[in-house]
All heavy atoms as atom14 arrays in JSON, in Angstrom:
{
  "sequence": "EHKLSSINLNEGTMEFKQPYVKELLQDTADLIVGCDGAFSTVRQQMV",
  "atom14_mask": [
    [1, 1, 1, 1, 1, 1, 1, 1, 1, 0, 0, 0, 0, 0],
    [1, 1, 1, 1, 1, 1, 1, 1, 1, 1, 0, 0, 0, 0],
    [1, 1, 1, 1, 1, 1, 1, 1, 1, 0, 0, 0, 0, 0],
    [1, 1, 1, 1, 1, 1, 1, 1, 0, 0, 0, 0, 0, 0],
    [1, 1, 1, 1, 1, 1, 0, 0, 0, 0, 0, 0, 0, 0],
    [1, 1, 1, 1, 1, 1, 0, 0, 0, 0, 0, 0, 0, 0],
    [1, 1, 1, 1, 1, 1, 1, 1, 0, 0, 0, 0, 0, 0],
    [1, 1, 1, 1, 1, 1, 1, 1, 0, 0, 0, 0, 0, 0],
    [1, 1, 1, 1, 1, 1, 1, 1, 0, 0, 0, 0, 0, 0],
    [1, 1, 1, 1, 1, 1, 1, 1, 0, 0, 0, 0, 0, 0],
    [1, 1, 1, 1, 1, 1, 1, 1, 1, 0, 0, 0, 0, 0],
    [1, 1, 1, 1, 0, 0, 0, 0, 0, 0, 0, 0, 0, 0],
    [1, 1, 1, 1, 1, 1, 1, 0, 0, 0, 0, 0, 0, 0],
    [1, 1, 1, 1, 1, 1, 1, 1, 0, 0, 0, 0, 0, 0],
    [1, 1, 1, 1, 1, 1, 1, 1, 1, 0, 0, 0, 0, 0],
    [1, 1, 1, 1, 1, 1, 1, 1, 1, 1, 1, 0, 0, 0],
    [1, 1, 1, 1, 1, 1, 1, 1, 1, 0, 0, 0, 0, 0],
    [1, 1, 1, 1, 1, 1, 1, 1, 1, 0, 0, 0, 0, 0],
    [1, 1, 1, 1, 1, 1, 1, 0, 0, 0, 0, 0, 0, 0],
    [1, 1, 1, 1, 1, 1, 1, 1, 1, 1, 1, 1, 0, 0],
    [1, 1, 1, 1, 1, 1, 1, 0, 0, 0, 0, 0, 0, 0],
    [1, 1, 1, 1, 1, 1, 1, 1, 1, 0, 0, 0, 0, 0],
    [1, 1, 1, 1, 1, 1, 1, 1, 1, 0, 0, 0, 0, 0],
    [1, 1, 1, 1, 1, 1, 1, 1, 0, 0, 0, 0, 0, 0],
    [1, 1, 1, 1, 1, 1, 1, 1, 0, 0, 0, 0, 0, 0],
    [1, 1, 1, 1, 1, 1, 1, 1, 1, 0, 0, 0, 0, 0],
    [1, 1, 1, 1, 1, 1, 1, 1, 0, 0, 0, 0, 0, 0],
    [1, 1, 1, 1, 1, 1, 1, 0, 0, 0, 0, 0, 0, 0],
    [1, 1, 1, 1, 1, 0, 0, 0, 0, 0, 0, 0, 0, 0],
    [1, 1, 1, 1, 1, 1, 1, 1, 0, 0, 0, 0, 0, 0],
    [1, 1, 1, 1, 1, 1, 1, 1, 0, 0, 0, 0, 0, 0],
    [1, 1, 1, 1, 1, 1, 1, 1, 0, 0, 0, 0, 0, 0],
    [1, 1, 1, 1, 1, 1, 1, 0, 0, 0, 0, 0, 0, 0],
    [1, 1, 1, 1, 0, 0, 0, 0, 0, 0, 0, 0, 0, 0],
    [1, 1, 1, 1, 1, 1, 0, 0, 0, 0, 0, 0, 0, 0],
    [1, 1, 1, 1, 1, 1, 1, 1, 0, 0, 0, 0, 0, 0],
    [1, 1, 1, 1, 0, 0, 0, 0, 0, 0, 0, 0, 0, 0],
    [1, 1, 1, 1, 1, 0, 0, 0, 0, 0, 0, 0, 0, 0],
    [1, 1, 1, 1, 1, 1, 1, 1, 1, 1, 1, 0, 0, 0],
    [1, 1, 1, 1, 1, 1, 0, 0, 0, 0, 0, 0, 0, 0],
    [1, 1, 1, 1, 1, 1, 1, 0, 0, 0, 0, 0, 0, 0],
    [1, 1, 1, 1, 1, 1, 1, 0, 0, 0, 0, 0, 0, 0],
    [1, 1, 1, 1, 1, 1, 1, 1, 1, 1, 1, 0, 0, 0],
    [1, 1, 1, 1, 1, 1, 1, 1, 1, 0, 0, 0, 0, 0],
    [1, 1, 1, 1, 1, 1, 1, 1, 1, 0, 0, 0, 0, 0],
    [1, 1, 1, 1, 1, 1, 1, 1, 0, 0, 0, 0, 0, 0],
    [1, 1, 1, 1, 1, 1, 1, 0, 0, 0, 0, 0, 0, 0]
  ],
  "atom14_positions": [
    [[102.15, 108.37, 104.63], [101.81, 107.5, 105.76], [100.39, 107.77, 106.26], [100.13, 107.8, 107.45], [102.83, 107.64, 106.88], [104.24, 107.2, 106.46], [105.23, 107.2, 107.59], [105.83, 108.27, 107.84], [105.4, 106.15, 108.23], [0.0, 0.0, 0.0], [0.0, 0.0, 0.0], [0.0, 0.0, 0.0], [0.0, 0.0, 0.0], [0.0, 0.0, 0.0]],
    [[99.49, 107.95, 105.31], [98.06, 108.1, 105.58], [97.34, 107.0, 104.81], [97.22, 107.06, 103.59], [97.54, 109.47, 105.13], [97.88, 110.59, 106.07], [99.17, 110.96, 106.34], [97.07, 111.43, 106.8], [99.16, 111.98, 107.2], [97.9, 112.28, 107.49], [0.0, 0.0, 0.0], [0.0, 0.0, 0.0], [0.0, 0.0, 0.0], [0.0, 0.0, 0.0]],
    [[96.89, 105.98, 105.52], [96.22, 104.85, 104.89], [94.71, 105.05, 104.95], [94.13, 105.17, 106.04], [96.6, 103.54, 105.58], [95.98, 102.3, 104.95], [96.48, 101.04, 105.61], [95.83, 99.8, 105.02], [96.12, 99.64, 103.58], [0.0, 0.0, 0.0], [0.0, 0.0, 0.0], [0.0, 0.0, 0.0], [0.0, 0.0, 0.0], [0.0, 0.0, 0.0]],
    [[94.08, 105.08, 103.79], [92.63, 105.26, 103.73], [91.95, 104.03, 104.35], [92.15, 102.91, 103.89], [92.18, 105.43, 102.28], [90.69, 105.66, 102.04], [90.22, 106.97, 102.66], [90.38, 105.64, 100.55], [0.0, 0.0, 0.0], [0.0, 0.0, 0.0], [0.0, 0.0, 0.0], [0.0, 0.0, 0.0], [0.0, 0.0, 0.0], [0.0, 0.0, 0.0]],
    [[91.15, 104.26, 105.39], [90.47, 103.15, 106.06], [88.99, 103.1, 105.75], [88.39, 102.02, 105.74], [90.68, 103.24, 107.58], [90.13, 104.46, 108.09], [0.0, 0.0, 0.0], [0.0, 0.0, 0.0], [0.0, 0.0, 0.0], [0.0, 0.0, 0.0], [0.0, 0.0, 0.0], [0.0, 0.0, 0.0], [0.0, 0.0, 0.0], [0.0, 0.0, 0.0]],
    [[88.37, 104.26, 105.51], [86.96, 104.27, 105.15], [86.66, 105.52, 104.33], [87.4, 106.52, 104.39], [86.06, 104.23, 106.4], [86.22, 105.41, 107.17], [0.0, 0.0, 0.0], [0.0, 0.0, 0.0], [0.0, 0.0, 0.0], [0.0, 0.0, 0.0], [0.0, 0.0, 0.0], [0.0, 0.0, 0.0], [0.0, 0.0, 0.0], [0.0, 0.0, 0.0]],
    [[85.57, 105.44, 103.58], [85.23, 106.55, 102.69], [83.72, 106.55, 102.48], [83.09, 105.5, 102.36], [85.98, 106.41, 101.34], [85.62, 107.54, 100.39], [85.73, 105.07, 100.71], [86.48, 107.52, 99.12], [0.0, 0.0, 0.0], [0.0, 0.0, 0.0], [0.0, 0.0, 0.0], [0.0, 0.0, 0.0], [0.0, 0.0, 0.0], [0.0, 0.0, 0.0]],
    [[83.14, 107.73, 102.47], [81.72, 107.9, 102.15], [81.65, 108.64, 100.82], [81.92, 109.84, 100.75], [81.01, 108.7, 103.25], [79.5, 108.75, 103.04], [79.03, 109.0, 101.94], [78.74, 108.54, 104.11], [0.0, 0.0, 0.0], [0.0, 0.0, 0.0], [0.0, 0.0, 0.0], [0.0, 0.0, 0.0], [0.0, 0.0, 0.0], [0.0, 0.0, 0.0]],
    [[81.3, 107.91, 99.77], [81.33, 108.49, 98.44], [80.23, 109.51, 98.22], [80.37, 110.41, 97.38], [81.24, 107.38, 97.39], [82.4, 106.38, 97.38], [82.15, 105.28, 96.37], [83.71, 107.08, 97.09], [0.0, 0.0, 0.0], [0.0, 0.0, 0.0], [0.0, 0.0, 0.0], [0.0, 0.0, 0.0], [0.0, 0.0, 0.0], [0.0, 0.0, 0.0]],
    [[79.15, 109.4, 98.93], [78.05, 110.37, 98.76], [78.38, 111.72, 99.36], [78.02, 112.77, 98.82], [76.76, 109.82, 99.38], [76.25, 108.58, 98.66], [76.34, 108.49, 97.44], [75.74, 107.61, 99.41], [0.0, 0.0, 0.0], [0.0, 0.0, 0.0], [0.0, 0.0, 0.0], [0.0, 0.0, 0.0], [0.0, 0.0, 0.0], [0.0, 0.0, 0.0]],
    [[79.1, 111.68, 100.48], [79.41, 112.93, 101.19], [80.82, 113.42, 100.93], [81.17, 114.55, 101.3], [79.19, 112.73, 102.69], [77.74, 112.38, 103.04], [77.56, 112.16, 104.53], [78.55, 112.37, 105.29], [76.45, 111.78, 104.95], [0.0, 0.0, 0.0], [0.0, 0.0, 0.0], [0.0, 0.0, 0.0], [0.0, 0.0, 0.0], [0.0, 0.0, 0.0]],
    [[81.66, 112.58, 100.36], [83.04, 112.98, 100.1], [83.88, 113.03, 101.36], [84.85, 113.79, 101.45], [0.0, 0.0, 0.0], [0.0, 0.0, 0.0], [0.0, 0.0, 0.0], [0.0, 0.0, 0.0], [0.0, 0.0, 0.0], [0.0, 0.0, 0.0], [0.0, 0.0, 0.0], [0.0, 0.0, 0.0], [0.0, 0.0, 0.0], [0.0, 0.0, 0.0]],
    [[83.55, 112.2, 102.35], [84.32, 112.16, 103.6], [85.22, 110.95, 103.62], [84.91, 109.9, 103.05], [83.38, 112.12, 104.82], [82.55, 110.95, 104.73], [82.5, 113.35, 104.86], [0.0, 0.0, 0.0], [0.0, 0.0, 0.0], [0.0, 0.0, 0.0], [0.0, 0.0, 0.0], [0.0, 0.0, 0.0], [0.0, 0.0, 0.0], [0.0, 0.0, 0.0]],
    [[86.35, 111.1, 104.31], [87.36, 110.04, 104.37], [87.94, 109.94, 105.76], [87.97, 110.93, 106.5], [88.5, 110.33, 103.37], [88.07, 110.51, 101.93], [89.33, 111.39, 100.96], [89.18, 113.07, 101.62], [0.0, 0.0, 0.0], [0.0, 0.0, 0.0], [0.0, 0.0, 0.0], [0.0, 0.0, 0.0], [0.0, 0.0, 0.0], [0.0, 0.0, 0.0]],
    [[88.4, 108.76, 106.11], [89.12, 108.54, 107.36], [90.43, 107.83, 107.06], [90.47, 106.89, 106.25], [88.29, 107.7, 108.34], [87.08, 108.44, 108.9], [86.36, 107.62, 109.95], [86.4, 106.36, 109.87], [85.77, 108.24, 110.86], [0.0, 0.0, 0.0], [0.0, 0.0, 0.0], [0.0, 0.0, 0.0], [0.0, 0.0, 0.0], [0.0, 0.0, 0.0]],
    [[91.49, 108.3, 107.71], [92.83, 107.77, 107.46], [93.47, 107.29, 108.75], [93.32, 107.92, 109.81], [93.73, 108.84, 106.83], [93.28, 109.31, 105.48], [92.42, 110.4, 105.37], [93.72, 108.69, 104.33], [92.0, 110.85, 104.13], [93.31, 109.13, 103.08], [92.45, 110.21, 102.99], [0.0, 0.0, 0.0], [0.0, 0.0, 0.0], [0.0, 0.0, 0.0]],
    [[94.23, 106.19, 108.62], [95.05, 105.71, 109.73], [96.47, 106.23, 109.56], [97.0, 106.29, 108.44], [95.07, 104.18, 109.75], [93.75, 103.52, 110.09], [93.89, 102.0, 110.08], [92.57, 101.32, 110.4], [92.68, 99.83, 110.37], [0.0, 0.0, 0.0], [0.0, 0.0, 0.0], [0.0, 0.0, 0.0], [0.0, 0.0, 0.0], [0.0, 0.0, 0.0]],
    [[97.08, 106.62, 110.69], [98.46, 107.07, 110.68], [99.27, 106.24, 111.66], [98.75, 105.78, 112.69], [98.54, 108.55, 111.07], [97.81, 109.51, 110.15], [97.78, 110.9, 110.73], [96.85, 111.29, 111.43], [98.82, 111.68, 110.45], [0.0, 0.0, 0.0], [0.0, 0.0, 0.0], [0.0, 0.0, 0.0], [0.0, 0.0, 0.0], [0.0, 0.0, 0.0]],
    [[100.56, 106.04, 111.37], [101.4, 105.27, 112.31], [101.46, 105.94, 113.68], [101.6, 107.16, 113.79], [102.77, 105.29, 111.63], [102.52, 105.61, 110.2], [101.31, 106.47, 110.19], [0.0, 0.0, 0.0], [0.0, 0.0, 0.0], [0.0, 0.0, 0.0], [0.0, 0.0, 0.0], [0.0, 0.0, 0.0], [0.0, 0.0, 0.0], [0.0, 0.0, 0.0]],
    [[101.33, 105.11, 114.7], [101.49, 105.56, 116.09], [100.43, 106.56, 116.54], [100.59, 107.25, 117.54], [102.88, 106.17, 116.32], [104.0, 105.37, 115.71], [104.74, 105.87, 114.64], [104.31, 104.1, 116.19], [105.77, 105.12, 114.07], [105.33, 103.34, 115.63], [106.04, 103.86, 114.57], [107.04, 103.11, 114.01], [0.0, 0.0, 0.0], [0.0, 0.0, 0.0]],
    [[99.34, 106.68, 115.78], [98.25, 107.58, 116.15], [96.98, 106.75, 116.26], [96.56, 106.11, 115.29], [98.06, 108.71, 115.11], [96.9, 109.62, 115.52], [99.35, 109.52, 114.97], [0.0, 0.0, 0.0], [0.0, 0.0, 0.0], [0.0, 0.0, 0.0], [0.0, 0.0, 0.0], [0.0, 0.0, 0.0], [0.0, 0.0, 0.0], [0.0, 0.0, 0.0]],
    [[96.36, 106.77, 117.43], [95.16, 105.96, 117.64], [93.95, 106.53, 116.92], [93.17, 105.81, 116.31], [94.86, 105.85, 119.14], [95.86, 104.99, 119.91], [95.41, 104.84, 121.35], [96.37, 103.93, 122.11], [95.95, 103.76, 123.54], [0.0, 0.0, 0.0], [0.0, 0.0, 0.0], [0.0, 0.0, 0.0], [0.0, 0.0, 0.0], [0.0, 0.0, 0.0]],
    [[93.78, 107.84, 116.99], [92.61, 108.46, 116.4], [92.72, 108.5, 114.88], [93.8, 108.75, 114.32], [92.42, 109.89, 116.93], [92.13, 109.97, 118.42], [93.38, 109.82, 119.27], [94.5, 109.9, 118.69], [93.24, 109.58, 120.48], [0.0, 0.0, 0.0], [0.0, 0.0, 0.0], [0.0, 0.0, 0.0], [0.0, 0.0, 0.0], [0.0, 0.0, 0.0]],
    [[91.61, 108.26, 114.22], [91.58, 108.36, 112.77], [91.51, 109.82, 112.34], [90.82, 110.63, 112.97], [90.37, 107.61, 112.21], [90.36, 106.09, 112.4], [89.05, 105.51, 111.89], [91.54, 105.43, 111.7], [0.0, 0.0, 0.0], [0.0, 0.0, 0.0], [0.0, 0.0, 0.0], [0.0, 0.0, 0.0], [0.0, 0.0, 0.0], [0.0, 0.0, 0.0]],
    [[92.25, 110.14, 111.29], [92.18, 111.49, 110.73], [91.0, 111.57, 109.78], [90.86, 110.74, 108.89], [93.47, 111.82, 109.98], [93.46, 113.14, 109.21], [93.46, 114.32, 110.17], [94.65, 113.23, 108.25], [0.0, 0.0, 0.0], [0.0, 0.0, 0.0], [0.0, 0.0, 0.0], [0.0, 0.0, 0.0], [0.0, 0.0, 0.0], [0.0, 0.0, 0.0]],
    [[90.16, 112.56, 109.97], [88.99, 112.75, 109.11], [89.23, 113.92, 108.17], [89.8, 114.94, 108.56], [87.74, 112.97, 109.95], [87.38, 111.79, 110.83], [86.1, 112.01, 111.61], [85.62, 113.13, 111.73], [85.53, 110.93, 112.14], [0.0, 0.0, 0.0], [0.0, 0.0, 0.0], [0.0, 0.0, 0.0], [0.0, 0.0, 0.0], [0.0, 0.0, 0.0]],
    [[88.78, 113.78, 106.94], [88.92, 114.85, 105.96], [87.78, 114.75, 104.95], [87.1, 113.71, 104.85], [90.26, 114.77, 105.25], [90.73, 116.13, 104.72], [89.91, 117.08, 104.73], [91.88, 116.23, 104.27], [0.0, 0.0, 0.0], [0.0, 0.0, 0.0], [0.0, 0.0, 0.0], [0.0, 0.0, 0.0], [0.0, 0.0, 0.0], [0.0, 0.0, 0.0]],
    [[87.57, 115.83, 104.21], [86.55, 115.87, 103.17], [87.15, 116.44, 101.9], [88.19, 117.11, 101.92], [85.35, 116.74, 103.59], [85.81, 118.1, 103.8], [84.71, 116.22, 104.87], [0.0, 0.0, 0.0], [0.0, 0.0, 0.0], [0.0, 0.0, 0.0], [0.0, 0.0, 0.0], [0.0, 0.0, 0.0], [0.0, 0.0, 0.0], [0.0, 0.0, 0.0]],
    [[86.49, 116.17, 100.79], [86.94, 116.72, 99.51], [85.74, 116.86, 98.58], [84.74, 116.14, 98.71], [87.99, 115.8, 98.88], [0.0, 0.0, 0.0], [0.0, 0.0, 0.0], [0.0, 0.0, 0.0], [0.0, 0.0, 0.0], [0.0, 0.0, 0.0], [0.0, 0.0, 0.0], [0.0, 0.0, 0.0], [0.0, 0.0, 0.0], [0.0, 0.0, 0.0]],
    [[85.85, 117.8, 97.66], [84.8, 117.96, 96.65], [84.85, 116.83, 95.62], [83.83, 116.44, 95.07], [84.96, 119.31, 95.93], [84.84, 120.48, 96.89], [83.79, 120.63, 97.53], [85.83, 121.26, 97.0], [0.0, 0.0, 0.0], [0.0, 0.0, 0.0], [0.0, 0.0, 0.0], [0.0, 0.0, 0.0], [0.0, 0.0, 0.0], [0.0, 0.0, 0.0]],
    [[86.07, 116.33, 95.39], [86.26, 115.23, 94.43], [87.34, 114.31, 94.95], [88.4, 114.77, 95.38], [86.66, 115.79, 93.06], [87.01, 114.76, 91.97], [85.8, 113.88, 91.65], [87.52, 115.45, 90.71], [0.0, 0.0, 0.0], [0.0, 0.0, 0.0], [0.0, 0.0, 0.0], [0.0, 0.0, 0.0], [0.0, 0.0, 0.0], [0.0, 0.0, 0.0]],
    [[87.08, 113.0, 94.93], [88.05, 111.99, 95.35], [88.5, 111.22, 94.11], [87.68, 110.69, 93.36], [87.43, 111.03, 96.38], [87.0, 111.8, 97.63], [88.42, 109.93, 96.75], [86.17, 110.98, 98.6], [0.0, 0.0, 0.0], [0.0, 0.0, 0.0], [0.0, 0.0, 0.0], [0.0, 0.0, 0.0], [0.0, 0.0, 0.0], [0.0, 0.0, 0.0]],
    [[89.82, 111.18, 93.91], [90.39, 110.49, 92.75], [91.17, 109.28, 93.27], [92.23, 109.42, 93.88], [91.31, 111.43, 91.95], [91.86, 110.7, 90.71], [90.57, 112.69, 91.54], [0.0, 0.0, 0.0], [0.0, 0.0, 0.0], [0.0, 0.0, 0.0], [0.0, 0.0, 0.0], [0.0, 0.0, 0.0], [0.0, 0.0, 0.0], [0.0, 0.0, 0.0]],
    [[90.65, 108.1, 93.02], [91.28, 106.88, 93.5], [92.34, 106.37, 92.54], [92.02, 105.89, 91.46], [0.0, 0.0, 0.0], [0.0, 0.0, 0.0], [0.0, 0.0, 0.0], [0.0, 0.0, 0.0], [0.0, 0.0, 0.0], [0.0, 0.0, 0.0], [0.0, 0.0, 0.0], [0.0, 0.0, 0.0], [0.0, 0.0, 0.0], [0.0, 0.0, 0.0]],
    [[93.6, 106.5, 92.95], [94.72, 105.98, 92.18], [95.49, 105.0, 93.05], [96.73, 104.98, 93.06], [95.63, 107.12, 91.73], [94.82, 108.42, 90.78], [0.0, 0.0, 0.0], [0.0, 0.0, 0.0], [0.0, 0.0, 0.0], [0.0, 0.0, 0.0], [0.0, 0.0, 0.0], [0.0, 0.0, 0.0], [0.0, 0.0, 0.0], [0.0, 0.0, 0.0]],
    [[94.75, 104.2, 93.8], [95.35, 103.36, 94.84], [95.49, 101.91, 94.44], [95.42, 101.01, 95.28], [94.57, 103.5, 96.16], [93.06, 103.4, 96.01], [92.56, 103.56, 94.89], [92.38, 103.18, 97.02], [0.0, 0.0, 0.0], [0.0, 0.0, 0.0], [0.0, 0.0, 0.0], [0.0, 0.0, 0.0], [0.0, 0.0, 0.0], [0.0, 0.0, 0.0]],
    [[95.7, 101.66, 93.17], [96.17, 100.36, 92.72], [95.12, 99.28, 92.55], [93.92, 99.5, 92.71], [0.0, 0.0, 0.0], [0.0, 0.0, 0.0], [0.0, 0.0, 0.0], [0.0, 0.0, 0.0], [0.0, 0.0, 0.0], [0.0, 0.0, 0.0], [0.0, 0.0, 0.0], [0.0, 0.0, 0.0], [0.0, 0.0, 0.0], [0.0, 0.0, 0.0]],
    [[95.61, 98.08, 92.25], [94.74, 96.97, 91.91], [93.83, 96.55, 93.04], [92.76, 95.99, 92.81], [95.59, 95.77, 91.47], [0.0, 0.0, 0.0], [0.0, 0.0, 0.0], [0.0, 0.0, 0.0], [0.0, 0.0, 0.0], [0.0, 0.0, 0.0], [0.0, 0.0, 0.0], [0.0, 0.0, 0.0], [0.0, 0.0, 0.0], [0.0, 0.0, 0.0]],
    [[94.22, 96.83, 94.27], [93.4, 96.48, 95.43], [92.81, 97.74, 96.06], [92.74, 97.89, 97.28], [94.23, 95.68, 96.43], [94.82, 94.43, 95.84], [96.14, 94.41, 95.41], [94.05, 93.29, 95.67], [96.69, 93.28, 94.84], [94.59, 92.15, 95.09], [95.91, 92.13, 94.68], [0.0, 0.0, 0.0], [0.0, 0.0, 0.0], [0.0, 0.0, 0.0]],
    [[92.38, 98.63, 95.21], [91.91, 99.97, 95.58], [90.83, 99.97, 96.66], [89.81, 99.3, 96.54], [91.37, 100.67, 94.32], [90.66, 101.82, 94.64], [0.0, 0.0, 0.0], [0.0, 0.0, 0.0], [0.0, 0.0, 0.0], [0.0, 0.0, 0.0], [0.0, 0.0, 0.0], [0.0, 0.0, 0.0], [0.0, 0.0, 0.0], [0.0, 0.0, 0.0]],
    [[91.06, 100.77, 97.7], [90.05, 100.96, 98.74], [88.88, 101.78, 98.21], [87.72, 101.54, 98.57], [90.68, 101.67, 99.96], [91.76, 100.87, 100.46], [89.65, 101.85, 101.08], [0.0, 0.0, 0.0], [0.0, 0.0, 0.0], [0.0, 0.0, 0.0], [0.0, 0.0, 0.0], [0.0, 0.0, 0.0], [0.0, 0.0, 0.0], [0.0, 0.0, 0.0]],
    [[89.18, 102.74, 97.34], [88.11, 103.55, 96.75], [87.2, 102.67, 95.91], [85.97, 102.77, 96.0], [88.7, 104.7, 95.89], [87.58, 105.52, 95.27], [89.61, 105.6, 96.73], [0.0, 0.0, 0.0], [0.0, 0.0, 0.0], [0.0, 0.0, 0.0], [0.0, 0.0, 0.0], [0.0, 0.0, 0.0], [0.0, 0.0, 0.0], [0.0, 0.0, 0.0]],
    [[87.79, 101.79, 95.11], [86.96, 100.89, 94.29], [86.16, 99.93, 95.15], [85.01, 99.6, 94.83], [87.84, 100.12, 93.31], [87.02, 99.32, 92.27], [87.87, 98.38, 91.47], [88.46, 97.34, 92.28], [89.77, 97.07, 92.31], [90.61, 97.77, 91.58], [90.23, 96.1, 93.08], [0.0, 0.0, 0.0], [0.0, 0.0, 0.0], [0.0, 0.0, 0.0]],
    [[86.75, 99.46, 96.23], [86.03, 98.54, 97.13], [84.74, 99.18, 97.64], [83.73, 98.5, 97.82], [86.93, 98.13, 98.29], [88.05, 97.18, 97.9], [88.99, 96.89, 99.05], [88.68, 97.18, 100.2], [90.15, 96.35, 98.74], [0.0, 0.0, 0.0], [0.0, 0.0, 0.0], [0.0, 0.0, 0.0], [0.0, 0.0, 0.0], [0.0, 0.0, 0.0]],
    [[84.79, 100.49, 97.87], [83.58, 101.19, 98.3], [82.6, 101.33, 97.14], [81.38, 101.21, 97.31], [83.93, 102.56, 98.87], [82.77, 103.3, 99.5], [82.2, 102.56, 100.7], [82.93, 101.95, 101.47], [80.88, 102.6, 100.86], [0.0, 0.0, 0.0], [0.0, 0.0, 0.0], [0.0, 0.0, 0.0], [0.0, 0.0, 0.0], [0.0, 0.0, 0.0]],
    [[83.12, 101.56, 95.94], [82.26, 101.68, 94.76], [81.52, 100.38, 94.48], [80.38, 100.39, 94.0], [83.1, 102.06, 93.54], [83.53, 103.5, 93.49], [84.34, 103.86, 91.9], [84.59, 105.62, 92.03], [0.0, 0.0, 0.0], [0.0, 0.0, 0.0], [0.0, 0.0, 0.0], [0.0, 0.0, 0.0], [0.0, 0.0, 0.0], [0.0, 0.0, 0.0]],
    [[82.18, 99.24, 94.77], [81.56, 97.94, 94.51], [80.23, 97.81, 95.25], [79.31, 97.12, 94.8], [82.53, 96.81, 94.92], [81.83, 95.45, 94.91], [83.73, 96.77, 93.98], [0.0, 0.0, 0.0], [0.0, 0.0, 0.0], [0.0, 0.0, 0.0], [0.0, 0.0, 0.0], [0.0, 0.0, 0.0], [0.0, 0.0, 0.0], [0.0, 0.0, 0.0]]
  ]
}
């Protein structure tokens, strides 16, 4: 129940929406692997 809402591919930062939580959860990673389907949010950023 963490929906990726935005991503910075250069810095490896991400923001996620959670049910019933107003604030976005922020996280970082050394590597982001987008396996989020045909309507991929990760790919949308790559475009």
